[in-house]
Amino acid sequence: MKRKMSLFSLVMLTLSAIIGSGWLFGAGMAAQIAGPAAILSWILGAVIIGLIALNYIELGTMFPTSGGMSQYAAFSHGPLLGFVAGWANWLSLLTIIPIEAVAAVQYMSSWPWSWANWTRGFLKDGDITNQGLVIVFLFILAFTLLNFWSVKLLTRFTSFISIFKLGIPTLTIIVLMATGFQSGNFGHTAGFMPNGSAAIFSATTAAGIIFSYNAFQTTINMGNEIEHPERNILWGIVIAFSISAVIYTMLQVAFIGAVPGHYLVHGWQGVNFESPFANLAILMNLGWLSTLLYLDAFVSPFGTGVSFVATTSRALAAMTGTKHMPTKLGELNRKYQTPRRAMVVNMVLGVVLVAGFRNWSALSNVISTSTLIAYLTGPVTVATLRRNAPEFSRPFRLWGLKLWAPLAYVLASLAIYWAKWPTTIEVFGVIALGLICYVYYEFRQPAGWTALRASLKGSRWLLAEMIWLTIMSAVGSHEFGGHGWFPYPLDFLAVTLGSLACYYLGVHDGYQSESFEIAQELNQRVEETE
């Protein structure tokens, strides 16, 4: 009998995924954008992703299956919406694998030791060089091989590495706050909010804050590989996410307070460290801490990369269920029960992504936006199933869904808008490419055009949302890259009203497609275990 993950292993796996390269770069980038107010950006990011996660916890406990986040939308709105949601989610997950490798290589390139001069060539003008690209590939290869031989090896590795990953950030917080912490930094120059309140919102996406919290879905996508998923999915996410939110916020506080005063002569925008916390440790003559931080810059991305090879391969494998992707990608290895073909494809595509986007900042922005597009389907799906399938067993039932689901949807829409023009239209374009694949496979099936027309109605709300956000991104306030037709904060109101209309259209358009039968079968398993 296949061994499944305990709650402890699940929490360790999720923590290992969440606390990755985000803590190594996020605090420094957020401080540049929003100054001391970046602390509020981390809290805001936690609220947004936390509310979204609550919707997915209800879905995950209803339908415990591997790669679940690539399937839920199909249950409520048909295969086309399921494919678009799965495609957007897979793209975001796929990008995480190379970004963790890039993070490790970027830190390696600034190693301060004389024997490590050979690493200097890994980075040039902020971008990974061809020499560094070879090291990135070796990292991605290692991530993949650790997942190649079953969940058992994966859980042992991540449980060990998570303890290390928790210890170093916690130690960093304590040491920086106890050594040379300057409370005056929180009101330096232009005060707590030097770049205005709009910077608080833009930092959530531009500084990789949304990206840093994104990994809660590791728990959702492991599905039926978890012991007692009806309760452990909930507690696995709640425990891991809460610990991560506290650590990330306190890291930002420690970073703001530890920057030497003379570095703030030109404001927070002038604080530009290649390796933020390691550079701070060196400036404070804490050589031993900088050594630990450079080591963790190797370990933290490694743990997250390993975790996301598991998540991404299952997401890709799950997309083959509707027969709009090559079915061989969904086949599991008989002995180890892992989707090996999907892992290999993701590994190759990960290397291609790094070749095109060679720095952490660019990759994190793409990830955040594509992830949020996928997340838009969660609140709509959970509300639709409450209406169309009230008889389904719900081990976790989100209280106050009529308030929390539309609120989570609106916050996700706003966060996409905060990514700024032209990032929004660029990501929407990449997602649209997936439709070519969908249409190709759809017309190869007997139902063909008839099935496509039926599923178009279930997807029109998301198309309307993407068009609305594209328009608002182009004509919105200057603070978010627009032409200024809607000044800040009236642009937020416009985005909110349009998104709410799309949300309620989505709930109205839900129907029982052929995928609904799969949902019934999965939910029946939950009833049998209760």
Protein backbone atom coordinates (compact mmCIF):
# COMPACT_ATOMS: atom_id res chain seq x y z
CA MET A 1 0.00 0.00 0.00
CA LYS A 2 1.34 3.43 -0.98
CA ARG A 3 2.50 5.50 1.97
CA LYS A 4 0.73 8.85 2.35
CA MET A 5 1.79 12.15 3.90
CA SER A 6 1.14 12.80 7.58
CA LEU A 7 0.06 16.26 8.78
CA PHE A 8 3.62 16.98 9.97
CA SER A 9 5.13 16.01 6.60
CA LEU A 10 2.49 18.08 4.82
CA VAL A 11 3.21 21.18 6.94
CA MET A 12 6.95 20.74 6.35
CA LEU A 13 6.43 20.31 2.60
CA THR A 14 4.25 23.45 2.42
CA LEU A 15 6.67 25.49 4.53
CA SER A 16 9.53 24.29 2.37
CA ALA A 17 7.62 25.53 -0.67
CA ILE A 18 6.51 28.90 0.78
CA ILE A 19 9.81 29.95 2.37
CA GLY A 20 11.96 29.98 -0.71
CA SER A 21 13.67 32.76 -2.59
CA GLY A 22 10.96 35.26 -1.63
CA TRP A 23 12.56 35.99 1.72
CA LEU A 24 15.99 36.40 0.17
CA PHE A 25 14.94 39.17 -2.24
CA GLY A 26 11.40 40.29 -1.35
CA ALA A 27 12.20 42.48 1.68
CA GLY A 28 14.89 44.42 -0.18
CA MET A 29 12.76 44.99 -3.28
CA ALA A 30 9.64 45.94 -1.26
CA ALA A 31 11.65 48.48 0.77
CA GLN A 32 12.87 50.11 -2.46
CA ILE A 33 9.30 50.44 -3.74
CA ALA A 34 7.34 51.34 -0.59
CA GLY A 35 9.93 52.18 2.09
CA PRO A 36 8.95 51.21 5.66
CA ALA A 37 5.31 50.87 4.48
CA ALA A 38 6.44 47.62 2.80
CA ILE A 39 5.51 45.99 6.12
CA LEU A 40 1.86 46.72 5.22
CA SER A 41 2.45 45.18 1.78
CA TRP A 42 3.39 41.83 3.36
CA ILE A 43 0.31 41.95 5.61
CA LEU A 44 -1.91 42.87 2.65
CA GLY A 45 -0.42 40.06 0.56
CA ALA A 46 -1.11 37.57 3.36
CA VAL A 47 -4.74 38.74 3.61
CA ILE A 48 -5.29 38.43 -0.15
CA ILE A 49 -3.77 34.98 -0.54
CA GLY A 50 -5.25 33.83 2.79
CA LEU A 51 -8.79 34.66 1.65
CA ILE A 52 -8.19 32.95 -1.69
CA ALA A 53 -6.80 29.90 0.13
CA LEU A 54 -9.97 29.55 2.22
CA ASN A 55 -12.00 29.05 -0.96
CA TYR A 56 -9.58 26.42 -2.18
CA ILE A 57 -9.57 24.61 1.15
CA GLU A 58 -13.30 23.95 0.74
CA LEU A 59 -12.69 22.68 -2.79
CA GLY A 60 -9.61 20.67 -1.83
CA THR A 61 -11.39 18.82 1.00
CA MET A 62 -14.39 18.16 -1.29
CA PHE A 63 -12.26 16.75 -4.10
CA PRO A 64 -8.98 15.26 -2.77
CA THR A 65 -7.08 14.52 -5.96
CA SER A 66 -3.57 15.13 -7.24
CA GLY A 67 -3.27 18.36 -9.25
CA GLY A 68 -6.72 19.39 -8.04
CA MET A 69 -6.32 23.11 -8.73
CA SER A 70 -6.14 22.31 -12.45
CA GLN A 71 -9.53 20.57 -12.33
CA TYR A 72 -11.98 22.38 -10.04
CA ALA A 73 -13.11 25.00 -12.56
CA ALA A 74 -14.06 22.24 -15.04
CA PHE A 75 -16.39 20.72 -12.44
CA SER A 76 -18.50 23.88 -12.24
CA HIS A 77 -18.10 25.57 -15.63
CA GLY A 78 -17.01 22.98 -18.17
CA PRO A 79 -13.75 21.92 -19.83
CA LEU A 80 -12.79 25.24 -21.45
CA LEU A 81 -12.70 27.18 -18.17
CA GLY A 82 -11.01 24.20 -16.52
CA PHE A 83 -8.33 24.26 -19.19
CA VAL A 84 -7.75 28.02 -18.96
CA ALA A 85 -7.51 27.84 -15.15
CA GLY A 86 -5.22 24.83 -15.34
CA TRP A 87 -3.07 26.44 -18.03
CA ALA A 88 -2.63 29.69 -16.06
CA ASN A 89 -1.88 27.77 -12.86
CA TRP A 90 0.57 25.45 -14.60
CA LEU A 91 2.40 28.42 -16.17
CA SER A 92 2.82 30.05 -12.78
CA LEU A 93 4.02 26.81 -11.19
CA LEU A 94 6.35 26.06 -14.09
CA THR A 95 8.06 29.43 -13.65
CA ILE A 96 8.69 28.81 -9.94
CA ILE A 97 11.09 25.95 -10.66
CA PRO A 98 13.60 28.08 -12.64
CA ILE A 99 13.13 31.16 -10.44
CA GLU A 100 14.36 29.24 -7.40
CA ALA A 101 17.40 28.08 -9.33
CA VAL A 102 18.00 31.65 -10.53
CA ALA A 103 17.78 32.93 -6.93
CA ALA A 104 20.43 30.49 -5.74
CA VAL A 105 22.76 31.35 -8.64
CA GLN A 106 22.28 35.12 -8.12
CA TYR A 107 23.37 34.76 -4.48
CA MET A 108 26.27 32.51 -5.51
CA SER A 109 27.50 35.21 -7.88
CA SER A 110 28.08 37.57 -4.93
CA TRP A 111 29.89 35.10 -2.64
CA PRO A 112 32.49 37.24 -0.80
CA TRP A 113 35.21 34.62 -0.44
CA SER A 114 38.38 34.69 -2.55
CA TRP A 115 38.11 30.99 -3.42
CA ALA A 116 34.67 31.70 -4.96
CA ASN A 117 35.83 34.19 -7.58
CA TRP A 118 34.75 31.70 -10.26
CA THR A 119 31.09 32.44 -9.40
CA ARG A 120 31.37 36.13 -10.38
CA GLY A 121 30.68 35.26 -13.99
CA PHE A 122 27.23 33.86 -13.20
CA LEU A 123 25.64 37.33 -13.22
CA LYS A 124 26.12 40.41 -15.39
CA ASP A 125 24.05 43.63 -15.13
CA GLY A 126 21.51 41.80 -13.01
CA ASP A 127 20.96 38.96 -15.52
CA ILE A 128 22.10 35.33 -15.49
CA THR A 129 24.92 34.74 -18.01
CA ASN A 130 25.34 31.65 -20.20
CA GLN A 131 27.82 30.32 -17.64
CA GLY A 132 25.27 30.83 -14.89
CA LEU A 133 22.60 29.20 -17.05
CA VAL A 134 24.55 25.92 -16.92
CA ILE A 135 24.44 26.02 -13.10
CA VAL A 136 20.72 26.84 -13.20
CA PHE A 137 20.15 23.75 -15.35
CA LEU A 138 22.06 21.59 -12.85
CA PHE A 139 19.82 22.90 -10.06
CA ILE A 140 16.66 22.14 -12.04
CA LEU A 141 17.98 18.66 -12.83
CA ALA A 142 18.62 18.01 -9.13
CA PHE A 143 15.11 19.27 -8.23
CA THR A 144 13.63 16.82 -10.73
CA LEU A 145 15.66 13.78 -9.72
CA LEU A 146 14.65 14.13 -6.05
CA ASN A 147 11.02 13.80 -7.18
CA PHE A 148 11.69 10.98 -9.61
CA TRP A 149 11.59 8.27 -6.94
CA SER A 150 8.30 8.58 -5.06
CA VAL A 151 6.60 10.75 -2.46
CA LYS A 152 8.44 8.91 0.34
CA LEU A 153 11.85 10.30 -0.67
CA LEU A 154 10.34 13.73 -1.25
CA THR A 155 8.76 13.94 2.22
CA ARG A 156 11.96 12.81 3.96
CA PHE A 157 14.00 15.42 2.12
CA THR A 158 11.56 18.31 2.64
CA SER A 159 10.93 17.51 6.32
CA PHE A 160 14.67 17.76 6.96
CA ILE A 161 15.28 20.84 4.82
CA SER A 162 12.25 22.74 6.20
CA ILE A 163 13.68 22.75 9.72
CA PHE A 164 16.84 24.41 8.36
CA LYS A 165 14.81 26.86 6.26
CA LEU A 166 12.76 27.95 9.27
CA GLY A 167 15.79 28.32 11.53
CA ILE A 168 17.89 30.68 9.38
CA PRO A 169 15.17 33.33 8.73
CA THR A 170 14.18 33.23 12.41
CA LEU A 171 17.80 33.63 13.49
CA THR A 172 18.22 36.50 11.00
CA ILE A 173 15.23 38.33 12.49
CA ILE A 174 16.54 37.95 16.05
CA VAL A 175 20.15 38.95 15.26
CA LEU A 176 19.29 41.98 13.08
CA MET A 177 16.77 43.30 15.62
CA ALA A 178 19.22 42.81 18.47
CA THR A 179 22.24 44.30 16.65
CA GLY A 180 22.13 47.91 15.51
CA PHE A 181 18.36 48.09 15.01
CA GLN A 182 17.45 51.72 14.22
CA SER A 183 13.82 52.59 14.92
CA GLY A 184 14.41 56.01 13.30
CA ASN A 185 14.54 54.30 9.90
CA PHE A 186 10.75 53.89 9.99
CA GLY A 187 10.27 57.66 9.74
CA HIS A 188 13.40 58.61 7.79
CA THR A 189 13.32 61.22 4.98
CA ALA A 190 9.72 61.26 3.68
CA GLY A 191 8.38 59.26 6.60
CA PHE A 192 6.79 55.84 6.87
CA MET A 193 5.19 56.08 3.43
CA PRO A 194 7.79 57.90 1.28
CA ASN A 195 6.30 56.95 -2.08
CA GLY A 196 2.64 57.31 -1.14
CA SER A 197 -0.01 54.70 -0.41
CA ALA A 198 -0.13 53.42 -4.02
CA ALA A 199 3.37 51.95 -3.56
CA ILE A 200 2.04 49.65 -0.82
CA PHE A 201 -0.23 47.98 -3.37
CA SER A 202 2.24 47.84 -6.27
CA ALA A 203 4.86 46.20 -4.01
CA THR A 204 2.62 43.19 -3.43
CA THR A 205 3.17 42.10 -7.03
CA ALA A 206 6.34 43.91 -8.14
CA ALA A 207 8.38 42.84 -5.09
CA GLY A 208 7.33 39.20 -5.29
CA ILE A 209 5.10 39.25 -2.19
CA ILE A 210 2.16 37.49 -3.89
CA PHE A 211 4.70 35.10 -5.38
CA SER A 212 6.17 34.37 -1.94
CA TYR A 213 2.81 33.37 -0.45
CA ASN A 214 1.64 31.46 -3.51
CA ALA A 215 2.92 28.05 -2.45
CA PHE A 216 -0.05 27.21 -0.19
CA GLN A 217 -1.39 25.36 -3.22
CA THR A 218 1.30 22.69 -2.75
CA THR A 219 -1.04 21.17 -0.15
CA ILE A 220 -4.09 21.36 -2.43
CA ASN A 221 -2.33 19.74 -5.37
CA MET A 222 -1.02 16.75 -3.38
CA GLY A 223 -4.68 15.74 -2.90
CA ASN A 224 -5.13 12.01 -2.41
CA GLU A 225 -1.48 11.54 -1.46
CA ILE A 226 -2.32 12.99 1.98
CA GLU A 227 -3.49 11.05 5.03
CA HIS A 228 -7.03 12.09 6.01
CA PRO A 229 -7.23 14.89 3.41
CA GLU A 230 -10.68 15.88 4.68
CA ARG A 231 -9.00 17.48 7.72
CA ASN A 232 -5.26 17.63 7.03
CA ILE A 233 -5.61 19.86 3.96
CA LEU A 234 -7.19 22.52 6.16
CA TRP A 235 -4.70 22.29 9.02
CA GLY A 236 -1.70 21.85 6.74
CA ILE A 237 -2.44 25.16 5.01
CA VAL A 238 -3.51 27.07 8.13
CA ILE A 239 -0.40 26.09 10.13
CA ALA A 240 2.15 26.54 7.33
CA PHE A 241 0.62 29.76 6.00
CA SER A 242 0.37 31.39 9.44
CA ILE A 243 4.00 30.60 10.29
CA SER A 244 5.15 31.92 6.90
CA ALA A 245 3.16 35.18 7.16
CA VAL A 246 4.71 35.98 10.56
CA ILE A 247 8.24 35.18 9.35
CA TYR A 248 7.94 37.25 6.15
CA THR A 249 6.48 40.28 7.95
CA MET A 250 9.11 40.21 10.71
CA LEU A 251 11.88 39.85 8.12
CA GLN A 252 10.67 43.08 6.52
CA VAL A 253 10.65 44.82 9.92
CA ALA A 254 14.18 43.58 10.63
CA PHE A 255 15.44 44.70 7.21
CA ILE A 256 13.99 48.21 7.54
CA GLY A 257 15.51 48.66 10.98
CA ALA A 258 18.94 47.24 10.13
CA VAL A 259 19.83 49.41 7.10
CA PRO A 260 22.62 51.84 8.13
CA GLY A 261 21.37 55.42 8.24
CA HIS A 262 23.90 56.79 5.74
CA TYR A 263 22.49 54.47 3.06
CA LEU A 264 19.21 56.41 3.22
CA VAL A 265 20.64 59.75 2.09
CA HIS A 266 18.93 59.29 -1.29
CA GLY A 267 15.88 57.58 0.17
CA TRP A 268 14.87 53.93 0.08
CA GLN A 269 15.13 53.75 -3.70
CA GLY A 270 18.89 54.09 -3.29
CA VAL A 271 19.13 50.94 -1.11
CA ASN A 272 20.00 48.41 -3.79
CA PHE A 273 21.67 45.27 -2.41
CA GLU A 274 22.36 42.30 -4.71
CA SER A 275 22.04 39.92 -1.75
CA PRO A 276 19.92 41.97 0.71
CA PHE A 277 20.27 40.17 4.04
CA ALA A 278 23.78 38.83 3.40
CA ASN A 279 24.96 42.33 2.43
CA LEU A 280 23.41 43.75 5.60
CA ALA A 281 25.16 41.15 7.73
CA ILE A 282 28.53 42.07 6.18
CA LEU A 283 27.90 45.79 6.76
CA MET A 284 27.17 45.03 10.43
CA ASN A 285 30.39 42.96 10.76
CA LEU A 286 28.40 39.77 11.28
CA GLY A 287 30.56 37.51 9.14
CA TRP A 288 29.20 34.30 10.65
CA LEU A 289 25.62 35.36 9.86
CA SER A 290 26.49 36.28 6.28
CA THR A 291 28.02 32.81 5.83
CA LEU A 292 24.82 31.19 7.11
CA LEU A 293 22.75 33.41 4.83
CA TYR A 294 24.76 32.51 1.77
CA LEU A 295 24.33 28.86 2.72
CA ASP A 296 20.59 29.33 3.14
CA ALA A 297 20.44 31.10 -0.23
CA PHE A 298 21.52 27.70 -1.52
CA VAL A 299 19.18 25.63 0.67
CA SER A 300 15.91 27.66 0.67
CA PRO A 301 15.49 27.85 -3.12
CA PHE A 302 16.53 24.20 -3.33
CA GLY A 303 13.74 23.12 -0.97
CA THR A 304 11.13 25.20 -2.78
CA GLY A 305 12.31 24.00 -6.19
CA VAL A 306 12.06 20.37 -5.11
CA SER A 307 8.56 20.90 -3.71
CA PHE A 308 7.33 22.60 -6.86
CA VAL A 309 8.61 19.91 -9.20
CA ALA A 310 6.11 17.67 -7.40
CA THR A 311 3.31 20.25 -7.61
CA THR A 312 3.96 21.30 -11.21
CA SER A 313 4.19 17.77 -12.58
CA ARG A 314 0.86 16.86 -10.96
CA ALA A 315 -0.74 20.04 -12.31
CA LEU A 316 0.38 19.19 -15.85
CA ALA A 317 -0.67 15.54 -15.45
CA ALA A 318 -4.11 16.61 -14.20
CA MET A 319 -4.65 18.78 -17.31
CA THR A 320 -4.57 15.65 -19.49
CA GLY A 321 -7.80 14.41 -17.88
CA THR A 322 -10.01 16.43 -20.26
CA LYS A 323 -8.02 15.15 -23.28
CA HIS A 324 -6.85 18.61 -24.34
CA MET A 325 -3.19 17.75 -23.77
CA PRO A 326 -1.14 14.66 -24.75
CA THR A 327 -2.48 11.91 -22.46
CA LYS A 328 0.95 10.32 -22.01
CA LEU A 329 1.93 13.31 -19.85
CA GLY A 330 -0.61 12.14 -17.28
CA GLU A 331 0.67 8.58 -16.96
CA LEU A 332 2.14 7.61 -13.58
CA ASN A 333 5.21 5.43 -13.15
CA ARG A 334 3.92 2.04 -11.97
CA LYS A 335 6.48 1.55 -9.22
CA TYR A 336 6.88 5.07 -7.83
CA GLN A 337 3.48 6.54 -8.78
CA THR A 338 5.01 9.79 -10.04
CA PRO A 339 4.21 11.50 -13.40
CA ARG A 340 7.74 11.20 -14.78
CA ARG A 341 7.00 12.35 -18.34
CA ALA A 342 5.40 15.52 -16.98
CA MET A 343 8.48 16.12 -14.82
CA VAL A 344 10.83 15.85 -17.79
CA VAL A 345 8.73 18.23 -19.91
CA ASN A 346 8.62 20.76 -17.07
CA MET A 347 12.38 20.49 -16.62
CA VAL A 348 13.05 21.27 -20.28
CA LEU A 349 10.56 24.16 -20.35
CA GLY A 350 12.06 25.54 -17.13
CA VAL A 351 15.45 25.87 -18.80
CA VAL A 352 13.82 27.59 -21.80
CA LEU A 353 12.13 30.08 -19.45
CA VAL A 354 15.42 31.03 -17.79
CA ALA A 355 17.00 31.53 -21.19
CA GLY A 356 14.28 34.11 -21.90
CA PHE A 357 13.84 35.73 -18.44
CA ARG A 358 17.23 35.88 -16.76
CA ASN A 359 16.54 37.64 -13.47
CA TRP A 360 14.48 37.03 -10.32
CA SER A 361 12.39 40.20 -10.54
CA ALA A 362 11.06 39.60 -14.07
CA LEU A 363 10.17 35.98 -13.32
CA SER A 364 8.41 36.80 -10.03
CA ASN A 365 6.19 39.41 -11.69
CA VAL A 366 5.08 36.95 -14.37
CA ILE A 367 4.41 34.27 -11.77
CA SER A 368 2.32 36.56 -9.56
CA THR A 369 0.08 37.73 -12.40
CA SER A 370 -0.54 34.32 -13.99
CA THR A 371 -1.17 32.78 -10.56
CA LEU A 372 -3.79 35.38 -9.71
CA ILE A 373 -5.60 34.77 -13.02
CA ALA A 374 -5.88 31.09 -12.10
CA TYR A 375 -7.03 32.03 -8.59
CA LEU A 376 -9.96 34.04 -10.00
CA THR A 377 -11.72 30.76 -10.74
CA GLY A 378 -11.61 29.50 -7.13
CA PRO A 379 -14.19 31.82 -5.50
CA VAL A 380 -16.51 31.52 -8.54
CA THR A 381 -16.27 27.72 -8.52
CA VAL A 382 -16.90 27.29 -4.81
CA ALA A 383 -19.93 29.64 -4.91
CA THR A 384 -21.33 27.91 -8.03
CA LEU A 385 -21.04 24.45 -6.48
CA ARG A 386 -22.83 25.67 -3.35
CA ARG A 387 -25.75 26.47 -5.65
CA ASN A 388 -25.56 23.59 -8.14
CA ALA A 389 -24.37 20.78 -5.85
CA PRO A 390 -25.67 21.51 -2.31
CA GLU A 391 -25.76 17.79 -1.58
CA PHE A 392 -21.98 17.37 -1.88
CA SER A 393 -20.07 16.49 1.28
CA ARG A 394 -18.02 19.46 2.54
CA PRO A 395 -15.58 18.53 5.36
CA PHE A 396 -14.64 22.23 5.52
CA ARG A 397 -17.48 24.64 4.84
CA LEU A 398 -16.38 28.27 4.53
CA TRP A 399 -18.60 30.33 6.79
CA GLY A 400 -19.93 33.56 5.25
CA LEU A 401 -19.15 32.45 1.70
CA LYS A 402 -21.45 35.11 0.17
CA LEU A 403 -19.11 37.74 1.62
CA TRP A 404 -15.68 36.06 1.49
CA ALA A 405 -15.87 34.59 -2.04
CA PRO A 406 -16.60 37.89 -3.87
CA LEU A 407 -14.14 39.72 -1.60
CA ALA A 408 -11.37 37.23 -2.45
CA TYR A 409 -12.25 37.58 -6.14
CA VAL A 410 -12.11 41.39 -6.06
CA LEU A 411 -8.80 41.40 -4.17
CA ALA A 412 -7.29 38.98 -6.71
CA SER A 413 -8.51 41.24 -9.55
CA LEU A 414 -7.01 44.32 -7.90
CA ALA A 415 -3.70 42.51 -7.37
CA ILE A 416 -3.59 41.69 -11.11
CA TYR A 417 -4.19 45.37 -11.82
CA TRP A 418 -1.34 46.31 -9.44
CA ALA A 419 1.08 44.35 -11.66
CA LYS A 420 0.94 47.42 -13.95
CA TRP A 421 0.72 47.84 -17.69
CA PRO A 422 2.12 46.21 -19.85
CA THR A 423 2.71 43.15 -17.61
CA THR A 424 -1.02 42.43 -17.58
CA ILE A 425 -1.45 42.26 -21.35
CA GLU A 426 1.78 40.25 -21.76
CA VAL A 427 0.60 37.55 -19.34
CA PHE A 428 -2.91 37.51 -20.82
CA GLY A 429 -1.30 36.94 -24.22
CA VAL A 430 0.67 33.91 -22.99
CA ILE A 431 -2.49 32.44 -21.47
CA ALA A 432 -4.33 33.01 -24.76
CA LEU A 433 -1.70 30.84 -26.49
CA GLY A 434 -3.02 27.89 -24.49
CA LEU A 435 -6.38 28.25 -26.24
CA ILE A 436 -4.74 27.20 -29.52
CA CYS A 437 -3.83 23.88 -27.90
CA TYR A 438 -7.35 23.55 -26.48
CA VAL A 439 -9.13 24.23 -29.80
CA TYR A 440 -6.83 21.77 -31.63
CA TYR A 441 -7.68 18.90 -29.29
CA GLU A 442 -11.35 19.91 -29.04
CA PHE A 443 -11.94 19.54 -32.78
CA ARG A 444 -10.28 16.14 -32.74
CA GLN A 445 -13.03 14.88 -30.45
CA PRO A 446 -16.45 13.67 -31.74
CA ALA A 447 -18.50 16.49 -30.18
CA GLY A 448 -16.18 19.13 -31.66
CA TRP A 449 -17.85 22.51 -32.23
CA THR A 450 -20.97 21.56 -30.25
CA ALA A 451 -18.98 20.93 -27.07
CA LEU A 452 -16.93 24.07 -27.62
CA ARG A 453 -20.03 26.25 -27.87
CA ALA A 454 -21.43 24.77 -24.65
CA SER A 455 -18.24 25.43 -22.72
CA LEU A 456 -17.88 28.96 -24.12
CA LYS A 457 -20.84 30.15 -22.05
CA GLY A 458 -19.21 28.81 -18.89
CA SER A 459 -16.04 30.76 -19.69
CA ARG A 460 -17.34 34.10 -20.93
CA TRP A 461 -17.11 35.72 -17.50
CA LEU A 462 -13.35 35.10 -17.29
CA LEU A 463 -12.87 36.44 -20.82
CA ALA A 464 -14.84 39.54 -19.80
CA GLU A 465 -12.69 39.89 -16.66
CA MET A 466 -9.45 39.71 -18.62
CA ILE A 467 -10.69 42.27 -21.15
CA TRP A 468 -11.85 44.57 -18.35
CA LEU A 469 -8.54 44.34 -16.49
CA THR A 470 -6.64 44.96 -19.73
CA ILE A 471 -8.66 48.11 -20.41
CA MET A 472 -8.30 49.35 -16.83
CA SER A 473 -4.59 48.61 -16.83
CA ALA A 474 -4.18 50.73 -19.97
CA VAL A 475 -6.39 53.68 -18.92
CA GLY A 476 -5.97 53.53 -15.14
CA SER A 477 -3.88 55.76 -12.91
CA HIS A 478 -0.26 56.69 -13.63
CA GLU A 479 0.76 54.97 -10.36
CA PHE A 480 -0.05 51.62 -11.97
CA GLY A 481 1.30 52.25 -15.45
CA GLY A 482 -1.89 53.56 -17.07
CA HIS A 483 -2.67 56.71 -19.04
CA GLY A 484 -4.34 58.39 -16.07
CA TRP A 485 -7.96 58.48 -17.27
CA PHE A 486 -8.98 57.04 -13.89
CA PRO A 487 -6.95 58.76 -11.14
CA TYR A 488 -5.86 56.87 -8.04
CA PRO A 489 -7.81 55.66 -6.03
CA LEU A 490 -10.89 55.94 -8.30
CA ASP A 491 -9.26 53.31 -10.50
CA PHE A 492 -9.63 50.82 -7.62
CA LEU A 493 -13.37 51.51 -7.50
CA ALA A 494 -13.71 50.99 -11.27
CA VAL A 495 -11.78 47.70 -11.14
CA THR A 496 -13.89 46.53 -8.19
CA LEU A 497 -17.26 47.27 -9.81
CA GLY A 498 -16.34 45.65 -13.13
CA SER A 499 -14.88 42.60 -11.40
CA LEU A 500 -17.94 42.12 -9.20
CA ALA A 501 -20.11 42.09 -12.33
CA CYS A 502 -17.85 39.37 -13.82
CA TYR A 503 -17.95 37.39 -10.55
CA TYR A 504 -21.74 37.25 -10.42
CA LEU A 505 -21.93 36.44 -14.15
CA GLY A 506 -19.55 33.55 -13.46
CA VAL A 507 -21.68 32.17 -10.64
CA HIS A 508 -24.77 32.49 -12.87
CA ASP A 509 -23.12 30.68 -15.81
CA GLY A 510 -22.13 27.54 -13.92
CA TYR A 511 -23.55 24.29 -15.30
CA GLN A 512 -23.21 20.53 -14.94
CA SER A 513 -20.85 19.52 -17.72
CA GLU A 514 -19.41 16.06 -18.37
CA SER A 515 -16.69 16.88 -15.84
CA PHE A 516 -19.36 17.08 -13.13
CA GLU A 517 -19.46 13.26 -13.04
CA ILE A 518 -15.78 13.21 -12.05
CA ALA A 519 -16.58 15.64 -9.24
CA GLN A 520 -19.33 13.35 -7.99
CA GLU A 521 -16.98 10.35 -7.95
CA LEU A 522 -14.28 12.25 -6.04
CA ASN A 523 -16.77 13.61 -3.53
CA GLN A 524 -18.18 10.13 -3.00
CA ARG A 525 -14.77 9.04 -1.67
CA VAL A 526 -14.99 11.80 0.94
CA GLU A 527 -18.41 10.60 2.06
CA GLU A 528 -17.09 7.06 2.44
CA THR A 529 -14.27 8.18 4.77
CA GLU A 530 -16.47 10.34 7.01
